[in-house]
Each structure stands twice: as C-alpha cells, then as structure tokens.
Amino acid sequence: MPYEPPTHTVERSLRATTGAKIIAGVDEVGRGAWAGPVTVCAAVTGLRRPPEGLTDSKLLTVKRRTALAVELEKWVTSYALGHASPQEIDDLGMTAALRLAAVRALEALPVRPDAVILDGKHDYLGSPWKVRTVIKGDQSCVAVAAASVIAKVQRDKMMAELGTDHADFGFAANAGYPSPVHKAALEERGPTPYHRLSWAYLDALPQWRHLKKVRSWGNGSGPEIEGQLGFDF
C-alpha cells in the first residue's frame, strides 16, 4: 500500500516557534509484549533528506527494516537507546517504565536535545523535557520514523539473543509478543526470567498464576491495563 513519506514539518515548526536547534524524535517498541524490556530510541536527524523508503517500522518487511536500520544508524546525526526491564515494568507500571526508558535514551545522546517529538497522543515523558506529541509521528516525522526503525530492529535482535536459552518460546520470531508458539510454551513451562509477571496473560495460566505480581497502588489510582494482553488473540 502506498504511503506518504515522513517530513521535517513538525521539526521546522518547533524550530520556528520555540527556537529549538537540536530536536530528537522518540519512539518506543515492546509496550504490548509479554516478555522482554520496553525499548525507546531517541534519534536526532537535522533537516537532511532521509534514506529512501523511511516510514513507520511496522509498515516495513523484516528484510527491508533490517537493512534500513543499518543505513539509518550511519545517517542520523546521533541516536541512543534506553530500556526498562521486565522487573522495572512490573514494579513501576508501563507509563513510568516508558518514561524511565525514554530518559535513559535522551540522556545517552551526546548533546541534550532542546525539544522532543514524541510518537502518540500521550506525553509520558513530561517536565523538564519540552515535548511535542504527534499521533502517527512514526509515519509523518523523519526523526520519529528513524527512531521507530532503529528501536524495532535493535529490540528484535535483543529478544532473539535472549531466546537462545528458551527456544520453545520463539522469541526470535515473536520478540516476546503474543503468538500461538509463545502461548503454548507458557502453558507448558511457565514464564521465563524475561517475562513481565504483572501482565494479564498469567490470569489464564492456573498452574502459574501464583507467580503473578500485584503492585500496591499507593497513589489511589487503578492498575494500568494498556498493552497487558491476555490469551484472547
């Protein structure tokens, strides 16, 4: 399906309205997975013309995405990755874990950005970062699209490596996301050390349900359910 290539429109707007010179595009991957970290990439691209075919990583084939990531890692001005572990996700909740991963990525850049373009409608980053949220920013903004591709390829590689000792779970193919192979392995073997133990999938595993972690919500809010998929897929 044809798609419009991403542009620098939002970045140009931020430069004009805020005076920002260094702008990072930020995107995450792994939010809805059962296993593995949530990974955030921060990419600074400037206003140069991007590599041909750049778009949201989910719109690319594995082969094209992998090749494009290699090209992007050389093309971007700078990029950095930040991760929040399954244990941190269980302890903090997804929103706080996303912020933790994003801050780690942004602070790992060689120069602190003046502003951030964040994919989606929710600002999980917050103060003191100057944030512009953009729905489908991974399709429309060059820096966010670049971050999307790099984050996806790097996390997929990480999950394949983690899966070498847990071949039955198929991490090399599903990257820790729900799949029939993943479900079958969970039912038979239970969660690995890389699984998120506060996730709803454990509710459907009677023999492993005792392992589920329940956080205490001291601030009076309810548990976060976004991305916490059960077995109904």
Protein backbone atom coordinates (compact mmCIF):
# COMPACT_ATOMS: atom_id res chain seq x y z
CA MET A 1 0.00 0.00 0.00
CA PRO A 2 1.43 3.43 -0.95
CA TYR A 3 2.21 5.79 1.91
CA GLU A 4 3.33 9.37 2.23
CA PRO A 5 7.00 9.68 3.23
CA PRO A 6 7.77 11.43 6.53
CA THR A 7 8.77 15.08 6.53
CA HIS A 8 10.50 17.66 8.71
CA THR A 9 7.32 19.74 9.09
CA VAL A 10 6.98 19.33 12.86
CA GLU A 11 10.68 19.88 13.42
CA ARG A 12 10.61 23.07 11.35
CA SER A 13 7.59 24.25 13.35
CA LEU A 14 9.37 23.63 16.66
CA ARG A 15 12.43 25.47 15.43
CA ALA A 16 10.33 28.44 14.36
CA THR A 17 8.08 28.64 17.44
CA THR A 18 10.46 27.65 20.25
CA GLY A 19 13.91 28.40 18.92
CA ALA A 20 14.95 24.79 19.44
CA LYS A 21 18.01 23.78 17.45
CA ILE A 22 18.54 20.17 18.48
CA ILE A 23 15.34 18.13 18.23
CA ALA A 24 15.09 14.42 18.98
CA GLY A 25 12.46 12.08 17.62
CA VAL A 26 11.42 9.45 20.17
CA ASP A 27 9.58 6.17 19.68
CA GLU A 28 9.11 3.00 21.70
CA VAL A 29 8.74 -0.68 20.99
CA GLY A 30 7.74 -3.55 23.26
CA ARG A 31 4.85 -1.89 25.07
CA GLY A 32 2.44 -4.77 24.42
CA ALA A 33 4.88 -7.67 24.73
CA TRP A 34 4.61 -10.38 27.38
CA ALA A 35 8.37 -10.69 27.70
CA GLY A 36 11.44 -8.51 27.35
CA PRO A 37 12.08 -4.85 28.00
CA VAL A 38 10.28 -1.84 26.66
CA THR A 39 12.80 -0.06 24.43
CA VAL A 40 12.92 3.60 23.47
CA CYS A 41 15.08 5.16 20.77
CA ALA A 42 15.91 8.86 20.60
CA ALA A 43 17.19 9.99 17.20
CA VAL A 44 18.48 13.36 16.05
CA THR A 45 18.45 13.81 12.29
CA GLY A 46 18.60 17.51 11.48
CA LEU A 47 16.85 18.57 8.29
CA ARG A 48 18.66 16.37 5.81
CA ARG A 49 16.83 14.24 3.28
CA PRO A 50 16.23 10.79 4.80
CA PRO A 51 17.07 7.44 3.21
CA GLU A 52 14.61 6.21 0.60
CA GLY A 53 11.66 4.24 1.96
CA LEU A 54 11.78 5.52 5.54
CA THR A 55 8.48 5.09 7.37
CA ASP A 56 6.98 3.51 10.48
CA SER A 57 8.82 0.27 11.20
CA LYS A 58 5.54 -1.68 11.32
CA LEU A 59 4.94 -0.91 7.64
CA LEU A 60 8.23 -2.48 6.52
CA THR A 61 9.16 -6.08 5.90
CA VAL A 62 11.72 -7.60 8.23
CA LYS A 63 14.33 -7.65 5.46
CA ARG A 64 13.75 -4.03 4.48
CA ARG A 65 13.55 -2.82 8.08
CA THR A 66 16.81 -4.53 8.98
CA ALA A 67 18.66 -3.10 6.01
CA LEU A 68 17.20 0.36 6.62
CA ALA A 69 18.26 0.32 10.27
CA VAL A 70 21.89 -0.25 9.25
CA GLU A 71 21.63 2.70 6.86
CA LEU A 72 19.92 4.91 9.44
CA GLU A 73 22.47 4.24 12.16
CA LYS A 74 25.09 5.78 9.88
CA TRP A 75 22.82 8.52 8.53
CA VAL A 76 21.38 10.05 11.71
CA THR A 77 23.28 12.81 13.48
CA SER A 78 23.06 10.74 16.66
CA TYR A 79 20.87 8.16 18.33
CA ALA A 80 20.67 6.33 21.64
CA LEU A 81 18.60 3.53 23.13
CA GLY A 82 17.06 3.24 26.56
CA HIS A 83 15.45 0.16 28.10
CA ALA A 84 13.22 -0.57 31.05
CA SER A 85 13.45 -4.18 32.21
CA PRO A 86 10.52 -6.53 32.80
CA GLN A 87 11.16 -6.15 36.53
CA GLU A 88 11.01 -2.35 36.27
CA ILE A 89 7.77 -2.61 34.27
CA ASP A 90 6.30 -4.85 36.98
CA ASP A 91 7.41 -2.54 39.77
CA LEU A 92 6.62 0.82 38.20
CA GLY A 93 3.85 0.24 35.67
CA MET A 94 4.13 0.85 31.96
CA THR A 95 3.81 4.65 31.93
CA ALA A 96 6.62 5.15 34.43
CA ALA A 97 8.71 2.45 32.74
CA LEU A 98 8.32 4.21 29.38
CA ARG A 99 9.47 7.46 30.92
CA LEU A 100 12.45 5.72 32.50
CA ALA A 101 13.48 4.18 29.18
CA ALA A 102 12.97 7.46 27.30
CA VAL A 103 15.02 9.47 29.80
CA ARG A 104 17.80 6.88 29.58
CA ALA A 105 17.81 7.21 25.79
CA LEU A 106 17.71 11.02 25.77
CA GLU A 107 20.41 11.34 28.41
CA ALA A 108 22.63 8.96 26.45
CA LEU A 109 22.68 11.28 23.43
CA PRO A 110 25.96 13.18 23.03
CA VAL A 111 24.10 16.52 23.23
CA ARG A 112 20.93 17.19 25.21
CA PRO A 113 18.01 17.99 22.86
CA ASP A 114 16.22 21.34 23.09
CA ALA A 115 12.91 19.66 22.24
CA VAL A 116 11.44 16.19 21.71
CA ILE A 117 8.92 14.91 19.17
CA LEU A 118 7.13 12.02 20.85
CA ASP A 119 5.10 9.47 18.91
CA GLY A 120 1.48 9.15 20.03
CA LYS A 121 -1.04 11.35 21.81
CA HIS A 122 0.15 10.87 25.40
CA ASP A 123 3.17 12.68 26.83
CA TYR A 124 4.68 10.01 29.07
CA LEU A 125 7.94 11.99 29.25
CA GLY A 126 6.88 15.28 30.84
CA SER A 127 8.91 18.02 32.52
CA PRO A 128 11.63 19.19 32.22
CA TRP A 129 11.63 17.98 28.63
CA LYS A 130 9.93 20.17 26.03
CA VAL A 131 7.67 17.70 24.25
CA ARG A 132 5.50 17.84 21.13
CA THR A 133 3.31 14.75 20.78
CA VAL A 134 2.36 13.68 17.26
CA ILE A 135 -0.19 10.96 16.53
CA LYS A 136 1.34 8.57 13.99
CA GLY A 137 4.56 10.51 14.26
CA ASP A 138 6.39 7.35 13.24
CA GLN A 139 4.83 7.77 9.80
CA SER A 140 4.86 11.56 9.43
CA CYS A 141 8.05 12.78 11.16
CA VAL A 142 11.51 11.88 9.88
CA ALA A 143 13.23 11.73 13.27
CA VAL A 144 10.45 9.68 14.86
CA ALA A 145 10.34 7.28 11.91
CA ALA A 146 14.10 6.80 12.18
CA ALA A 147 13.76 6.13 15.91
CA SER A 148 10.95 3.67 15.20
CA VAL A 149 13.03 1.57 12.81
CA ILE A 150 16.19 1.56 14.93
CA ALA A 151 14.27 0.69 18.12
CA LYS A 152 12.38 -2.17 16.49
CA VAL A 153 15.43 -3.79 14.89
CA GLN A 154 17.58 -3.43 17.99
CA ARG A 155 14.93 -4.85 20.33
CA ASP A 156 14.16 -7.73 17.96
CA LYS A 157 17.87 -8.60 17.94
CA MET A 158 17.98 -8.44 21.72
CA MET A 159 14.95 -10.73 22.06
CA ALA A 160 16.46 -13.26 19.64
CA GLU A 161 19.59 -13.35 21.79
CA LEU A 162 17.57 -13.73 25.00
CA GLY A 163 15.66 -16.56 23.39
CA THR A 164 18.67 -18.77 22.75
CA ASP A 165 18.19 -20.46 26.12
CA HIS A 166 14.39 -20.58 25.74
CA ALA A 167 13.91 -21.83 22.18
CA ASP A 168 10.37 -23.12 22.79
CA PHE A 169 9.08 -19.57 23.28
CA GLY A 170 10.00 -18.43 19.78
CA PHE A 171 11.42 -15.07 20.85
CA ALA A 172 13.41 -14.81 17.61
CA ALA A 173 10.12 -14.76 15.68
CA ASN A 174 7.67 -13.10 18.09
CA ALA A 175 10.05 -10.77 20.01
CA GLY A 176 8.18 -11.55 23.22
CA TYR A 177 4.78 -10.59 21.84
CA PRO A 178 1.72 -12.88 21.98
CA SER A 179 1.75 -15.76 19.50
CA PRO A 180 0.47 -19.36 19.48
CA VAL A 181 4.02 -20.67 19.99
CA HIS A 182 4.58 -18.27 22.87
CA LYS A 183 1.25 -19.22 24.46
CA ALA A 184 1.93 -22.96 24.21
CA ALA A 185 5.37 -22.61 25.80
CA LEU A 186 3.95 -20.55 28.65
CA GLU A 187 1.27 -23.12 29.36
CA GLU A 188 3.83 -25.93 29.47
CA ARG A 189 6.88 -24.29 31.03
CA GLY A 190 5.65 -21.13 32.75
CA PRO A 191 7.27 -17.72 32.48
CA THR A 192 11.00 -17.23 31.96
CA PRO A 193 13.11 -14.66 33.86
CA TYR A 194 12.39 -12.31 30.94
CA HIS A 195 8.60 -12.28 31.37
CA ARG A 196 6.53 -9.49 32.84
CA LEU A 197 4.87 -11.05 35.85
CA SER A 198 2.25 -8.34 36.40
CA TRP A 199 0.72 -8.92 32.95
CA ALA A 200 -2.80 -10.28 32.46
CA TYR A 201 -1.72 -13.35 30.48
CA LEU A 202 -0.93 -15.08 33.79
CA ASP A 203 -4.63 -14.98 34.71
CA ALA A 204 -5.22 -17.65 32.05
CA LEU A 205 -2.49 -19.95 33.40
CA PRO A 206 -3.88 -21.65 36.53
CA GLN A 207 -0.68 -23.61 37.19
CA TRP A 208 1.46 -20.45 37.05
CA ARG A 209 -0.98 -17.85 38.35
CA HIS A 210 0.69 -17.85 41.77
CA LEU A 211 3.71 -16.16 40.18
CA LYS A 212 1.76 -13.05 39.23
CA LYS A 213 2.95 -9.82 40.78
CA VAL A 214 0.35 -7.38 42.02
CA ARG A 215 1.58 -3.88 42.65
CA SER A 216 0.20 -1.79 45.51
CA TRP A 217 -1.34 1.38 44.14
CA GLY A 218 -0.40 3.76 46.90
CA ASN A 219 -1.43 6.85 44.97
CA GLY A 220 -5.02 5.68 44.77
CA SER A 221 -5.03 5.06 41.04
CA GLY A 222 -6.02 1.79 39.43
CA PRO A 223 -3.69 -0.58 37.63
CA GLU A 224 -2.57 0.19 34.11
CA ILE A 225 -4.06 -2.22 31.61
CA GLU A 226 -2.81 -0.77 28.31
CA GLY A 227 -0.86 -3.42 26.47
CA GLN A 228 -1.39 -6.08 29.12
CA LEU A 229 -2.76 -8.68 26.77
CA GLY A 230 -4.21 -11.98 27.87
CA PHE A 231 -4.66 -15.11 25.76
CA ASP A 232 -7.57 -13.85 23.67
CA PHE A 233 -5.72 -13.17 20.43
